[in-house]
Amino acid sequence: MQDGVGDYERLVLYNQCCCPLSVSVRPDNL
């Protein structure tokens, strides 16, 4: 298991809630 992935997903969810603009910046590869 990779904790880094979970942390990244958590950061993405935070960005979606607080900073919707960050969603378009994050890579779609993940």
PDB file of N, CA and C in Angstrom:
ATOM      1  N   MET A   1       0.847  -1.217   0.000  1.00  0.00           N
ATOM      2  CA  MET A   1       0.000   0.000   0.000  1.00  0.00           C
ATOM      3  C   MET A   1       0.876   1.258   0.000  1.00  0.00           C
ATOM      4  N   GLN A   2       0.415   2.255  -0.724  1.00  0.00           N
ATOM      5  CA  GLN A   2       1.169   3.500  -0.804  1.00  0.00           C
ATOM      6  C   GLN A   2       0.403   4.612  -0.095  1.00  0.00           C
ATOM      7  N   ASP A   3       0.937   5.069   1.032  1.00  0.00           N
ATOM      8  CA  ASP A   3       0.259   6.124   1.786  1.00  0.00           C
ATOM      9  C   ASP A   3       0.253   7.424   0.990  1.00  0.00           C
ATOM     10  N   GLY A   4       1.261   7.591   0.117  1.00  0.00           N
ATOM     11  CA  GLY A   4       1.357   8.816  -0.679  1.00  0.00           C
ATOM     12  C   GLY A   4       0.137   8.998  -1.561  1.00  0.00           C
ATOM     13  N   VAL A   5      -0.383   7.883  -2.085  1.00  0.00           N
ATOM     14  CA  VAL A   5      -1.559   7.963  -2.956  1.00  0.00           C
ATOM     15  C   VAL A   5      -2.762   8.437  -2.159  1.00  0.00           C
ATOM     16  N   GLY A   6      -2.928   7.905  -0.966  1.00  0.00           N
ATOM     17  CA  GLY A   6      -4.048   8.299  -0.122  1.00  0.00           C
ATOM     18  C   GLY A   6      -3.946   9.776   0.238  1.00  0.00           C
ATOM     19  N   ASP A   7      -2.723  10.230   0.527  1.00  0.00           N
ATOM     20  CA  ASP A   7      -2.526  11.636   0.870  1.00  0.00           C
ATOM     21  C   ASP A   7      -2.857  12.510  -0.328  1.00  0.00           C
ATOM     22  N   TYR A   8      -2.489  12.040  -1.528  1.00  0.00           N
ATOM     23  CA  TYR A   8      -2.756  12.820  -2.745  1.00  0.00           C
ATOM     24  C   TYR A   8      -4.257  12.922  -2.976  1.00  0.00           C
ATOM     25  N   GLU A   9      -4.946  11.798  -2.836  1.00  0.00           N
ATOM     26  CA  GLU A   9      -6.400  11.793  -3.038  1.00  0.00           C
ATOM     27  C   GLU A   9      -7.077  12.711  -2.029  1.00  0.00           C
ATOM     28  N   ARG A  10      -6.571  12.680  -0.807  1.00  0.00           N
ATOM     29  CA  ARG A  10      -7.142  13.531   0.244  1.00  0.00           C
ATOM     30  C   ARG A  10      -6.929  15.002  -0.111  1.00  0.00           C
ATOM     31  N   LEU A  11      -5.747  15.297  -0.665  1.00  0.00           N
ATOM     32  CA  LEU A  11      -5.442  16.669  -1.065  1.00  0.00           C
ATOM     33  C   LEU A  11      -6.350  17.094  -2.209  1.00  0.00           C
ATOM     34  N   VAL A  12      -6.607  16.174  -3.141  1.00  0.00           N
ATOM     35  CA  VAL A  12      -7.484  16.470  -4.280  1.00  0.00           C
ATOM     36  C   VAL A  12      -8.895  16.778  -3.790  1.00  0.00           C
ATOM     37  N   LEU A  13      -9.383  15.975  -2.852  1.00  0.00           N
ATOM     38  CA  LEU A  13     -10.728  16.197  -2.313  1.00  0.00           C
ATOM     39  C   LEU A  13     -10.790  17.551  -1.616  1.00  0.00           C
ATOM     40  N   TYR A  14      -9.719  17.899  -0.918  1.00  0.00           N
ATOM     41  CA  TYR A  14      -9.666  19.193  -0.233  1.00  0.00           C
ATOM     42  C   TYR A  14      -9.702  20.321  -1.255  1.00  0.00           C
ATOM     43  N   ASN A  15      -8.967  20.145  -2.354  1.00  0.00           N
ATOM     44  CA  ASN A  15      -8.924  21.169  -3.398  1.00  0.00           C
ATOM     45  C   ASN A  15     -10.281  21.311  -4.066  1.00  0.00           C
ATOM     46  N   GLN A  16     -10.985  20.195  -4.254  1.00  0.00           N
ATOM     47  CA  GLN A  16     -12.295  20.239  -4.900  1.00  0.00           C
ATOM     48  C   GLN A  16     -13.288  21.007  -4.032  1.00  0.00           C
ATOM     49  N   CYS A  17     -13.108  20.919  -2.709  1.00  0.00           N
ATOM     50  CA  CYS A  17     -14.046  21.578  -1.796  1.00  0.00           C
ATOM     51  C   CYS A  17     -13.699  23.056  -1.631  1.00  0.00           C
ATOM     52  N   CYS A  18     -12.411  23.336  -1.491  1.00  0.00           N
ATOM     53  CA  CYS A  18     -11.985  24.704  -1.168  1.00  0.00           C
ATOM     54  C   CYS A  18     -11.510  25.470  -2.400  1.00  0.00           C
ATOM     55  N   CYS A  19     -10.865  24.767  -3.321  1.00  0.00           N
ATOM     56  CA  CYS A  19     -10.295  25.436  -4.496  1.00  0.00           C
ATOM     57  C   CYS A  19     -10.655  24.671  -5.764  1.00  0.00           C
ATOM     58  N   PRO A  20     -11.883  24.844  -6.271  1.00  0.00           N
ATOM     59  CA  PRO A  20     -12.337  24.136  -7.475  1.00  0.00           C
ATOM     60  C   PRO A  20     -11.406  24.363  -8.659  1.00  0.00           C
ATOM     61  N   LEU A  21     -10.740  25.512  -8.702  1.00  0.00           N
ATOM     62  CA  LEU A  21      -9.854  25.816  -9.828  1.00  0.00           C
ATOM     63  C   LEU A  21      -8.671  24.860  -9.853  1.00  0.00           C
ATOM     64  N   SER A  22      -8.303  24.318  -8.698  1.00  0.00           N
ATOM     65  CA  SER A  22      -7.152  23.420  -8.625  1.00  0.00           C
ATOM     66  C   SER A  22      -7.446  22.092  -9.307  1.00  0.00           C
ATOM     67  N   VAL A  23      -8.730  21.781  -9.467  1.00  0.00           N
ATOM     68  CA  VAL A  23      -9.110  20.502 -10.066  1.00  0.00           C
ATOM     69  C   VAL A  23      -8.619  20.428 -11.503  1.00  0.00           C
ATOM     70  N   SER A  24      -8.687  21.547 -12.223  1.00  0.00           N
ATOM     71  CA  SER A  24      -8.271  21.560 -13.623  1.00  0.00           C
ATOM     72  C   SER A  24      -6.751  21.513 -13.727  1.00  0.00           C
ATOM     73  N   VAL A  25      -6.069  21.834 -12.625  1.00  0.00           N
ATOM     74  CA  VAL A  25      -4.605  21.869 -12.634  1.00  0.00           C
ATOM     75  C   VAL A  25      -4.017  20.489 -12.370  1.00  0.00           C
ATOM     76  N   ARG A  26      -4.733  19.683 -11.592  1.00  0.00           N
ATOM     77  CA  ARG A  26      -4.210  18.364 -11.226  1.00  0.00           C
ATOM     78  C   ARG A  26      -4.149  17.460 -12.457  1.00  0.00           C
ATOM     79  N   PRO A  27      -3.134  16.583 -12.534  1.00  0.00           N
ATOM     80  CA  PRO A  27      -2.972  15.679 -13.676  1.00  0.00           C
ATOM     81  C   PRO A  27      -4.092  14.655 -13.746  1.00  0.00           C
ATOM     82  N   ASP A  28      -4.610  14.407 -14.945  1.00  0.00           N
ATOM     83  CA  ASP A  28      -5.697  13.442 -15.113  1.00  0.00           C
ATOM     84  C   ASP A  28      -5.158  12.016 -15.174  1.00  0.00           C
ATOM     85  N   ASN A  29      -3.817  11.886 -15.266  1.00  0.00           N
ATOM     86  CA  ASN A  29      -3.218  10.553 -15.364  1.00  0.00           C
ATOM     87  C   ASN A  29      -3.513   9.738 -14.115  1.00  0.00           C
ATOM     88  N   LEU A  30      -3.559  10.414 -12.956  1.00  0.00           N
ATOM     89  CA  LEU A  30      -3.817   9.705 -11.715  1.00  0.00           C
ATOM     90  C   LEU A  30      -5.314   9.502 -11.564  1.00  0.00           C
TER      91      LEU A  30
END
